[in-house]
Amino acid sequence: MSLSVINCPHCQAQNISTAQFCGNCGKPTTVDSPVAAPATVGSSAASAHQPVQAIPASKDQWHEKAGLICGVLSMFMCGVFASIPGIYFSWSSLTQAKAQGRSTTLSNVGLLLNGLGILATIVGIGLFILMVVMASMSQTGSEFDYVQPMPPGY
């Protein structure tokens, strides 16, 4: 049994002829899908089992999840080491979502979390430097911090 191949009318990717949705862009492989008449109980169409095919996820949708994971990690433990790849993943998924007409909510949340992770890292480094400077200033002291006793007979 040989399967025939059809091209997607939207992105021209090759799919098997029985596919209802494109494996590349997720859009229907038929341009116009007529609404079928409702089947009667005794008809052969009602007894035929046709599985429902889910719309496949795009190959680049994992960038959304990776961006969110990196954003959460950057907020709690890894800082810049997770934020920089997270911004890349979120930005690439944002551009893919806009090009495909999908929702950009997850990509925007990933960008926000990774941006906050970088901001938290910068604030943390600034506070650390301030703490070190304040600690070094308190150890040097000044001439008025300690009063020496007067020598006898003075």
Protein backbone atom coordinates (compact mmCIF):
# COMPACT_ATOMS: atom_id res chain seq x y z
CA MET A 1 0.00 0.00 0.00
CA SER A 2 1.52 3.29 -1.04
CA LEU A 3 0.50 6.63 0.42
CA SER A 4 0.22 9.64 -1.80
CA VAL A 5 1.69 12.98 -0.84
CA ILE A 6 -0.08 16.34 -1.00
CA ASN A 7 1.28 19.85 -0.54
CA CYS A 8 -0.16 22.18 2.10
CA PRO A 9 -2.05 25.05 0.43
CA HIS A 10 -0.69 27.46 3.05
CA CYS A 11 3.03 26.67 3.42
CA GLN A 12 3.62 24.14 0.60
CA ALA A 13 5.04 21.51 3.00
CA GLN A 14 4.53 17.87 1.98
CA ASN A 15 2.00 15.82 3.96
CA ILE A 16 0.44 12.39 3.51
CA SER A 17 -2.88 12.51 1.68
CA THR A 18 -4.87 11.34 4.71
CA ALA A 19 -3.64 14.20 6.94
CA GLN A 20 -6.33 16.69 7.83
CA PHE A 21 -3.83 19.25 9.14
CA CYS A 22 -0.36 20.25 7.97
CA GLY A 23 2.49 18.83 10.03
CA ASN A 24 4.50 22.04 9.51
CA CYS A 25 2.08 24.95 10.02
CA GLY A 26 -0.88 23.16 11.65
CA LYS A 27 -3.45 24.60 9.25
CA PRO A 28 -6.05 22.42 7.44
CA THR A 29 -4.71 20.69 4.33
CA THR A 30 -7.93 21.40 2.43
CA VAL A 31 -8.74 24.92 1.33
CA ASP A 32 -12.50 24.66 1.74
CA SER A 33 -14.01 21.97 3.91
CA PRO A 34 -17.72 21.54 3.22
CA VAL A 35 -19.91 20.78 6.19
CA ALA A 36 -21.08 17.19 6.03
CA ALA A 37 -24.74 16.40 6.36
CA PRO A 38 -25.63 14.76 9.67
CA ALA A 39 -25.60 10.99 9.43
CA THR A 40 -28.64 8.95 10.31
CA VAL A 41 -28.49 6.14 12.81
CA GLY A 42 -28.84 3.36 10.25
CA SER A 43 -26.40 4.75 7.70
CA SER A 44 -22.92 3.39 7.16
CA ALA A 45 -21.43 6.85 7.74
CA ALA A 46 -22.66 6.86 11.31
CA SER A 47 -21.15 3.48 12.08
CA ALA A 48 -17.78 4.26 10.52
CA HIS A 49 -15.25 5.31 13.13
CA GLN A 50 -13.07 8.18 12.06
CA PRO A 51 -10.38 9.20 14.55
CA VAL A 52 -10.01 12.88 15.31
CA GLN A 53 -6.55 14.13 14.41
CA ALA A 54 -5.11 16.73 16.75
CA ILE A 55 -3.47 19.82 15.36
CA PRO A 56 0.26 19.15 15.63
CA ALA A 57 2.46 21.55 17.55
CA SER A 58 4.92 23.58 15.57
CA LYS A 59 8.56 22.57 15.79
CA ASP A 60 9.43 25.94 17.33
CA GLN A 61 6.73 26.01 20.03
CA TRP A 62 9.11 24.38 22.50
CA HIS A 63 10.93 27.74 22.61
CA GLU A 64 7.95 29.15 24.50
CA LYS A 65 8.28 26.53 27.20
CA ALA A 66 12.07 26.86 27.34
CA GLY A 67 11.78 30.64 27.68
CA LEU A 68 9.32 30.29 30.56
CA ILE A 69 11.48 27.71 32.34
CA CYS A 70 14.57 29.89 31.98
CA GLY A 71 12.59 32.88 33.26
CA VAL A 72 11.51 31.04 36.39
CA LEU A 73 15.04 29.76 36.97
CA SER A 74 16.51 33.22 36.50
CA MET A 75 14.13 34.65 39.10
CA PHE A 76 15.01 32.14 41.78
CA MET A 77 18.52 30.83 41.33
CA CYS A 78 20.51 31.19 38.13
CA GLY A 79 20.26 34.88 37.25
CA VAL A 80 21.95 35.86 34.02
CA PHE A 81 22.96 32.29 33.19
CA ALA A 82 19.31 31.40 32.62
CA SER A 83 18.04 34.83 31.52
CA ILE A 84 20.18 35.24 28.41
CA PRO A 85 19.14 31.92 26.80
CA GLY A 86 15.59 32.54 28.08
CA ILE A 87 15.41 35.87 26.27
CA TYR A 88 16.63 34.18 23.09
CA PHE A 89 14.02 31.40 23.35
CA SER A 90 11.20 33.81 24.21
CA TRP A 91 12.10 36.24 21.44
CA SER A 92 12.34 33.52 18.79
CA SER A 93 9.00 32.03 19.90
CA LEU A 94 7.45 35.51 19.84
CA THR A 95 8.51 36.09 16.24
CA GLN A 96 7.30 32.59 15.25
CA ALA A 97 3.94 33.12 16.99
CA LYS A 98 3.43 36.46 15.25
CA ALA A 99 4.32 34.96 11.87
CA GLN A 100 1.90 32.06 12.39
CA GLY A 101 -0.88 34.17 13.87
CA ARG A 102 -0.78 32.38 17.23
CA SER A 103 -1.13 33.86 20.70
CA THR A 104 2.00 35.62 21.98
CA THR A 105 1.07 35.50 25.67
CA LEU A 106 3.55 32.80 26.72
CA SER A 107 6.37 34.45 24.80
CA ASN A 108 5.63 37.82 26.40
CA VAL A 109 5.53 36.29 29.89
CA GLY A 110 8.85 34.57 29.18
CA LEU A 111 10.42 37.86 28.08
CA LEU A 112 9.06 39.59 31.18
CA LEU A 113 10.36 36.93 33.58
CA ASN A 114 13.79 36.85 31.96
CA GLY A 115 14.00 40.65 31.98
CA LEU A 116 13.09 40.69 35.66
CA GLY A 117 15.72 38.00 36.26
CA ILE A 118 18.42 40.19 34.72
CA LEU A 119 17.17 43.21 36.68
CA ALA A 120 17.22 41.21 39.93
CA THR A 121 20.77 40.07 39.17
CA ILE A 122 21.94 43.65 38.56
CA VAL A 123 20.27 44.88 41.76
CA GLY A 124 21.80 41.99 43.70
CA ILE A 125 25.29 42.74 42.41
CA GLY A 126 24.81 46.43 43.24
CA LEU A 127 23.70 45.61 46.79
CA PHE A 128 26.65 43.26 47.22
CA ILE A 129 29.09 45.97 46.13
CA LEU A 130 27.39 48.47 48.46
CA MET A 131 27.67 46.01 51.35
CA VAL A 132 31.38 45.43 50.70
CA VAL A 133 32.07 49.17 50.51
CA MET A 134 30.13 49.84 53.72
CA ALA A 135 31.94 47.00 55.52
CA SER A 136 35.37 48.26 54.45
CA MET A 137 34.51 51.80 55.58
CA SER A 138 33.46 50.66 59.04
CA GLN A 139 36.69 48.71 59.58
CA THR A 140 38.99 51.65 58.81
CA GLY A 141 37.49 53.81 61.55
CA SER A 142 38.46 57.38 62.27
CA GLU A 143 40.55 59.18 64.86
CA PHE A 144 37.48 59.98 66.97
CA ASP A 145 36.28 56.40 67.31
CA TYR A 146 38.64 55.51 70.16
CA VAL A 147 39.84 57.90 72.84
CA GLN A 148 43.18 57.00 74.35
CA PRO A 149 43.59 57.49 78.07
CA MET A 150 45.70 60.41 79.15
CA PRO A 151 49.21 59.50 80.29
CA PRO A 152 49.82 59.93 84.06
CA GLY A 153 51.08 63.31 85.15
CA TYR A 154 49.82 65.17 82.18
